[in-house]
Amino acid sequence: MVGLFWISEDCVYLGAEPTGAAPGVRLTGDGVEILGEGQGGRSWGWSEVRGLDVRDVAVRSAGRRLASMAFDSVVVLFTGDGEHPPLFTVVVETEDDGTVEANALAAVTGGIHTPDEYALSRTLLARLADGTTTVGELVGWRRDEPGDVAPTRDQRLALLRAWTAAPV
């Protein structure tokens, strides 16, 4: 996970990589695909995409994020009742279909992002939509990294900053 992005060796997911009929949004070199049962299974090439954004993402400071995660862990420990990852909304603005909304499952622990990673992720979505950053750049990073090594928080923020600061 880097910000809102689950990056594999061949594509990028907003939130968690969906399995089965779970909802999700996949970004490839060709464009944007909506996945999951009941979400319409639509897709658009990058030339048709006018904008990408997200809503309903849980955002808290690093301290509040840790407190929320600790509380959730205690609740699960005592009740045994874990929740599914929270959903957030992905907004795809298209040339022909207008604005289309889809759900994606949060992949980060607790579903909570810090304000800086949220803001940088939204900037990166805008850059992907306008073509100033490509999915290939994100996928290229993943291919160069060992699959079992997750970047630290500082490394994730540095990656987001690099991908959002590329010259126009």
C-alpha atoms as a PDB file:
ATOM      1  CA  MET A   1       0.000   0.000   0.000  1.00  0.00           C
ATOM      2  CA  VAL A   2       1.175   3.439  -0.932  1.00  0.00           C
ATOM      3  CA  GLY A   3      -1.476   5.961   0.069  1.00  0.00           C
ATOM      4  CA  LEU A   4      -4.788   4.760  -1.371  1.00  0.00           C
ATOM      5  CA  PHE A   5      -3.044   2.524  -3.908  1.00  0.00           C
ATOM      6  CA  TRP A   6      -2.454  -1.232  -3.867  1.00  0.00           C
ATOM      7  CA  ILE A   7       0.280  -1.651  -6.453  1.00  0.00           C
ATOM      8  CA  SER A   8       0.902  -4.995  -8.157  1.00  0.00           C
ATOM      9  CA  GLU A   9       3.395  -5.884 -10.870  1.00  0.00           C
ATOM     10  CA  ASP A  10       0.859  -5.278 -13.659  1.00  0.00           C
ATOM     11  CA  CYS A  11      -1.811  -2.877 -12.353  1.00  0.00           C
ATOM     12  CA  VAL A  12      -2.856  -0.573  -9.527  1.00  0.00           C
ATOM     13  CA  TYR A  13      -5.971  -0.913  -7.376  1.00  0.00           C
ATOM     14  CA  LEU A  14      -7.654   1.869  -5.475  1.00  0.00           C
ATOM     15  CA  GLY A  15      -7.888   0.334  -2.026  1.00  0.00           C
ATOM     16  CA  ALA A  16      -7.608  -3.409  -1.645  1.00  0.00           C
ATOM     17  CA  GLU A  17      -7.253  -5.817  -4.532  1.00  0.00           C
ATOM     18  CA  PRO A  18     -10.763  -7.280  -4.751  1.00  0.00           C
ATOM     19  CA  THR A  19     -11.351 -11.011  -4.751  1.00  0.00           C
ATOM     20  CA  GLY A  20     -14.450 -12.780  -5.979  1.00  0.00           C
ATOM     21  CA  ALA A  21     -17.410 -10.437  -6.206  1.00  0.00           C
ATOM     22  CA  ALA A  22     -15.894  -7.783  -3.909  1.00  0.00           C
ATOM     23  CA  PRO A  23     -16.034  -4.184  -5.130  1.00  0.00           C
ATOM     24  CA  GLY A  24     -12.980  -2.410  -6.443  1.00  0.00           C
ATOM     25  CA  VAL A  25     -11.405  -0.160  -9.033  1.00  0.00           C
ATOM     26  CA  ARG A  26      -8.406  -1.213 -11.133  1.00  0.00           C
ATOM     27  CA  LEU A  27      -6.091   1.167 -12.969  1.00  0.00           C
ATOM     28  CA  THR A  28      -4.064  -0.269 -15.841  1.00  0.00           C
ATOM     29  CA  GLY A  29      -1.946   1.160 -18.614  1.00  0.00           C
ATOM     30  CA  ASP A  30      -5.090   1.070 -20.760  1.00  0.00           C
ATOM     31  CA  GLY A  31      -7.488   2.805 -18.375  1.00  0.00           C
ATOM     32  CA  VAL A  32      -9.917   2.456 -15.472  1.00  0.00           C
ATOM     33  CA  GLU A  33     -12.041  -0.621 -14.706  1.00  0.00           C
ATOM     34  CA  ILE A  34     -14.829  -0.948 -12.150  1.00  0.00           C
ATOM     35  CA  LEU A  35     -14.915  -4.407 -10.576  1.00  0.00           C
ATOM     36  CA  GLY A  36     -17.319  -6.284  -8.354  1.00  0.00           C
ATOM     37  CA  GLU A  37     -20.846  -7.555  -8.304  1.00  0.00           C
ATOM     38  CA  GLY A  38     -23.476  -4.885  -8.787  1.00  0.00           C
ATOM     39  CA  GLN A  39     -21.046  -2.175  -9.878  1.00  0.00           C
ATOM     40  CA  GLY A  40     -21.700  -2.404 -13.594  1.00  0.00           C
ATOM     41  CA  GLY A  41     -18.361  -3.784 -14.767  1.00  0.00           C
ATOM     42  CA  ARG A  42     -17.619  -0.658 -16.769  1.00  0.00           C
ATOM     43  CA  SER A  43     -14.275   0.474 -18.113  1.00  0.00           C
ATOM     44  CA  TRP A  44     -12.801   3.465 -19.924  1.00  0.00           C
ATOM     45  CA  GLY A  45      -9.576   4.151 -21.743  1.00  0.00           C
ATOM     46  CA  TRP A  46      -7.429   6.955 -20.365  1.00  0.00           C
ATOM     47  CA  SER A  47      -8.456   9.198 -23.276  1.00  0.00           C
ATOM     48  CA  GLU A  48     -12.067   8.988 -22.019  1.00  0.00           C
ATOM     49  CA  VAL A  49     -11.261   9.734 -18.364  1.00  0.00           C
ATOM     50  CA  ARG A  50     -11.559  13.414 -17.394  1.00  0.00           C
ATOM     51  CA  GLY A  51     -11.057  13.053 -13.647  1.00  0.00           C
ATOM     52  CA  LEU A  52     -10.534  10.648 -10.752  1.00  0.00           C
ATOM     53  CA  ASP A  53     -11.253  11.374  -7.117  1.00  0.00           C
ATOM     54  CA  VAL A  54     -12.306   9.678  -3.881  1.00  0.00           C
ATOM     55  CA  ARG A  55     -14.804  10.376  -1.113  1.00  0.00           C
ATOM     56  CA  ASP A  56     -15.734   8.831   2.209  1.00  0.00           C
ATOM     57  CA  VAL A  57     -12.130   7.975   3.086  1.00  0.00           C
ATOM     58  CA  ALA A  58     -11.435   7.923   6.828  1.00  0.00           C
ATOM     59  CA  VAL A  59      -8.738  10.529   7.501  1.00  0.00           C
ATOM     60  CA  ARG A  60      -7.166  11.148  10.912  1.00  0.00           C
ATOM     61  CA  SER A  61      -3.874  12.406  12.277  1.00  0.00           C
ATOM     62  CA  ALA A  62      -1.236   9.746  12.922  1.00  0.00           C
ATOM     63  CA  GLY A  63      -1.963   9.806  16.685  1.00  0.00           C
ATOM     64  CA  ARG A  64      -5.731   9.536  16.272  1.00  0.00           C
ATOM     65  CA  ARG A  65      -5.224   6.784  13.682  1.00  0.00           C
ATOM     66  CA  LEU A  66      -3.201   4.715  16.181  1.00  0.00           C
ATOM     67  CA  ALA A  67      -5.775   5.290  18.931  1.00  0.00           C
ATOM     68  CA  SER A  68      -8.621   4.169  16.634  1.00  0.00           C
ATOM     69  CA  MET A  69      -6.723   1.056  15.581  1.00  0.00           C
ATOM     70  CA  ALA A  70      -5.913   0.180  19.209  1.00  0.00           C
ATOM     71  CA  PHE A  71      -9.561   0.582  20.228  1.00  0.00           C
ATOM     72  CA  ASP A  72     -10.732  -1.583  17.304  1.00  0.00           C
ATOM     73  CA  SER A  73      -8.217  -4.288  18.282  1.00  0.00           C
ATOM     74  CA  VAL A  74      -9.505  -4.356  21.855  1.00  0.00           C
ATOM     75  CA  VAL A  75     -13.121  -4.640  20.653  1.00  0.00           C
ATOM     76  CA  VAL A  76     -12.222  -7.578  18.387  1.00  0.00           C
ATOM     77  CA  LEU A  77     -10.224  -9.222  21.179  1.00  0.00           C
ATOM     78  CA  PHE A  78     -13.167  -9.138  23.588  1.00  0.00           C
ATOM     79  CA  THR A  79     -16.051  -9.701  21.195  1.00  0.00           C
ATOM     80  CA  GLY A  80     -14.394 -11.767  18.466  1.00  0.00           C
ATOM     81  CA  ASP A  81     -16.426  -9.676  16.045  1.00  0.00           C
ATOM     82  CA  GLY A  82     -14.114  -8.226  13.431  1.00  0.00           C
ATOM     83  CA  GLU A  83     -15.503  -5.985  10.725  1.00  0.00           C
ATOM     84  CA  HIS A  84     -14.938  -6.075   7.012  1.00  0.00           C
ATOM     85  CA  PRO A  85     -12.693  -3.333   5.708  1.00  0.00           C
ATOM     86  CA  PRO A  86     -14.561  -0.062   5.264  1.00  0.00           C
ATOM     87  CA  LEU A  87     -15.667   1.064   1.823  1.00  0.00           C
ATOM     88  CA  PHE A  88     -14.830   4.347   0.192  1.00  0.00           C
ATOM     89  CA  THR A  89     -16.195   5.917  -2.980  1.00  0.00           C
ATOM     90  CA  VAL A  90     -14.222   6.318  -6.192  1.00  0.00           C
ATOM     91  CA  VAL A  91     -15.512   9.013  -8.557  1.00  0.00           C
ATOM     92  CA  VAL A  92     -14.666   8.601 -12.246  1.00  0.00           C
ATOM     93  CA  GLU A  93     -15.471  11.529 -14.525  1.00  0.00           C
ATOM     94  CA  THR A  94     -15.752  10.394 -18.120  1.00  0.00           C
ATOM     95  CA  GLU A  95     -16.214  12.015 -21.475  1.00  0.00           C
ATOM     96  CA  ASP A  96     -19.344  10.099 -22.508  1.00  0.00           C
ATOM     97  CA  ASP A  97     -20.794   8.656 -19.293  1.00  0.00           C
ATOM     98  CA  GLY A  98     -20.446  11.716 -17.059  1.00  0.00           C
ATOM     99  CA  THR A  99     -19.676  11.069 -13.412  1.00  0.00           C
ATOM    100  CA  VAL A 100     -19.702   7.431 -12.303  1.00  0.00           C
ATOM    101  CA  GLU A 101     -19.275   6.311  -8.697  1.00  0.00           C
ATOM    102  CA  ALA A 102     -17.958   2.955  -7.522  1.00  0.00           C
ATOM    103  CA  ASN A 103     -17.015   1.422  -4.182  1.00  0.00           C
ATOM    104  CA  ALA A 104     -13.615   0.130  -3.160  1.00  0.00           C
ATOM    105  CA  LEU A 105     -12.482  -1.605   0.032  1.00  0.00           C
ATOM    106  CA  ALA A 106      -9.854   0.138   2.139  1.00  0.00           C
ATOM    107  CA  ALA A 107      -6.632  -1.855   2.267  1.00  0.00           C
ATOM    108  CA  VAL A 108      -4.811   0.029   5.004  1.00  0.00           C
ATOM    109  CA  THR A 109      -5.158  -1.293   8.558  1.00  0.00           C
ATOM    110  CA  GLY A 110      -8.263   0.176  10.141  1.00  0.00           C
ATOM    111  CA  GLY A 111      -9.201   1.866   6.868  1.00  0.00           C
ATOM    112  CA  ILE A 112      -7.754   5.136   8.156  1.00  0.00           C
ATOM    113  CA  HIS A 113      -5.329   7.339   6.222  1.00  0.00           C
ATOM    114  CA  THR A 114      -3.320  10.303   7.456  1.00  0.00           C
ATOM    115  CA  PRO A 115      -4.134  13.737   6.009  1.00  0.00           C
ATOM    116  CA  ASP A 116      -0.860  13.968   4.065  1.00  0.00           C
ATOM    117  CA  GLU A 117      -1.173  10.560   2.377  1.00  0.00           C
ATOM    118  CA  TYR A 118      -4.830  11.297   1.568  1.00  0.00           C
ATOM    119  CA  ALA A 119      -4.019  14.680  -0.011  1.00  0.00           C
ATOM    120  CA  LEU A 120      -1.076  13.260  -1.974  1.00  0.00           C
ATOM    121  CA  SER A 121      -3.207  10.308  -3.148  1.00  0.00           C
ATOM    122  CA  ARG A 122      -5.885  12.681  -4.449  1.00  0.00           C
ATOM    123  CA  THR A 123      -3.233  14.720  -6.257  1.00  0.00           C
ATOM    124  CA  LEU A 124      -1.836  11.532  -7.788  1.00  0.00           C
ATOM    125  CA  LEU A 125      -5.332  10.525  -8.964  1.00  0.00           C
ATOM    126  CA  ALA A 126      -5.672  13.883 -10.719  1.00  0.00           C
ATOM    127  CA  ARG A 127      -2.263  13.433 -12.364  1.00  0.00           C
ATOM    128  CA  LEU A 128      -3.195   9.926 -13.534  1.00  0.00           C
ATOM    129  CA  ALA A 129      -6.424  11.290 -15.026  1.00  0.00           C
ATOM    130  CA  ASP A 130      -4.680  14.130 -16.868  1.00  0.00           C
ATOM    131  CA  GLY A 131      -1.798  11.929 -18.049  1.00  0.00           C
ATOM    132  CA  THR A 132       1.041  13.725 -16.252  1.00  0.00           C
ATOM    133  CA  THR A 133       1.742  10.539 -14.271  1.00  0.00           C
ATOM    134  CA  THR A 134       1.172   7.022 -15.626  1.00  0.00           C
ATOM    135  CA  VAL A 135       0.212   3.723 -14.053  1.00  0.00           C
ATOM    136  CA  GLY A 136       3.464   2.425 -15.552  1.00  0.00           C
ATOM    137  CA  GLU A 137       5.466   4.591 -13.147  1.00  0.00           C
ATOM    138  CA  LEU A 138       3.744   3.048 -10.136  1.00  0.00           C
ATOM    139  CA  VAL A 139       3.942  -0.491 -11.513  1.00  0.00           C
ATOM    140  CA  GLY A 140       7.602   0.050 -12.399  1.00  0.00           C
ATOM    141  CA  TRP A 141       8.368   0.852  -8.763  1.00  0.00           C
ATOM    142  CA  ARG A 142       6.650  -2.388  -7.612  1.00  0.00           C
ATOM    143  CA  ARG A 143       8.549  -4.484 -10.144  1.00  0.00           C
ATOM    144  CA  ASP A 144      11.829  -3.111  -8.815  1.00  0.00           C
ATOM    145  CA  GLU A 145      10.963  -3.877  -5.180  1.00  0.00           C
ATOM    146  CA  PRO A 146      10.940  -7.274  -3.443  1.00  0.00           C
ATOM    147  CA  GLY A 147       7.329  -8.479  -3.264  1.00  0.00           C
ATOM    148  CA  ASP A 148       7.454  -9.304   0.439  1.00  0.00           C
ATOM    149  CA  VAL A 149       8.845  -5.941   1.557  1.00  0.00           C
ATOM    150  CA  ALA A 150       6.421  -3.169   2.452  1.00  0.00           C
ATOM    151  CA  PRO A 151       7.715   0.400   2.350  1.00  0.00           C
ATOM    152  CA  THR A 152       7.835   2.338   5.615  1.00  0.00           C
ATOM    153  CA  ARG A 153       5.536   5.307   6.208  1.00  0.00           C
ATOM    154  CA  ASP A 154       8.326   7.733   5.263  1.00  0.00           C
ATOM    155  CA  GLN A 155       9.097   5.754   2.103  1.00  0.00           C
ATOM    156  CA  ARG A 156       5.409   5.712   1.128  1.00  0.00           C
ATOM    157  CA  LEU A 157       5.146   9.474   1.538  1.00  0.00           C
ATOM    158  CA  ALA A 158       8.370   9.974  -0.440  1.00  0.00           C
ATOM    159  CA  LEU A 159       6.970   7.855  -3.277  1.00  0.00           C
ATOM    160  CA  LEU A 160       3.706   9.813  -3.318  1.00  0.00           C
ATOM    161  CA  ARG A 161       5.626  13.086  -3.340  1.00  0.00           C
ATOM    162  CA  ALA A 162       7.833  11.911  -6.199  1.00  0.00           C
ATOM    163  CA  TRP A 163       4.874  10.740  -8.272  1.00  0.00           C
ATOM    164  CA  THR A 164       2.990  14.004  -7.687  1.00  0.00           C
ATOM    165  CA  ALA A 165       5.947  16.328  -8.254  1.00  0.00           C
ATOM    166  CA  ALA A 166       6.910  15.116 -11.727  1.00  0.00           C
ATOM    167  CA  PRO A 167       7.150  17.981 -14.248  1.00  0.00           C
ATOM    168  CA  VAL A 168       4.037  18.696 -16.267  1.00  0.00           C
END
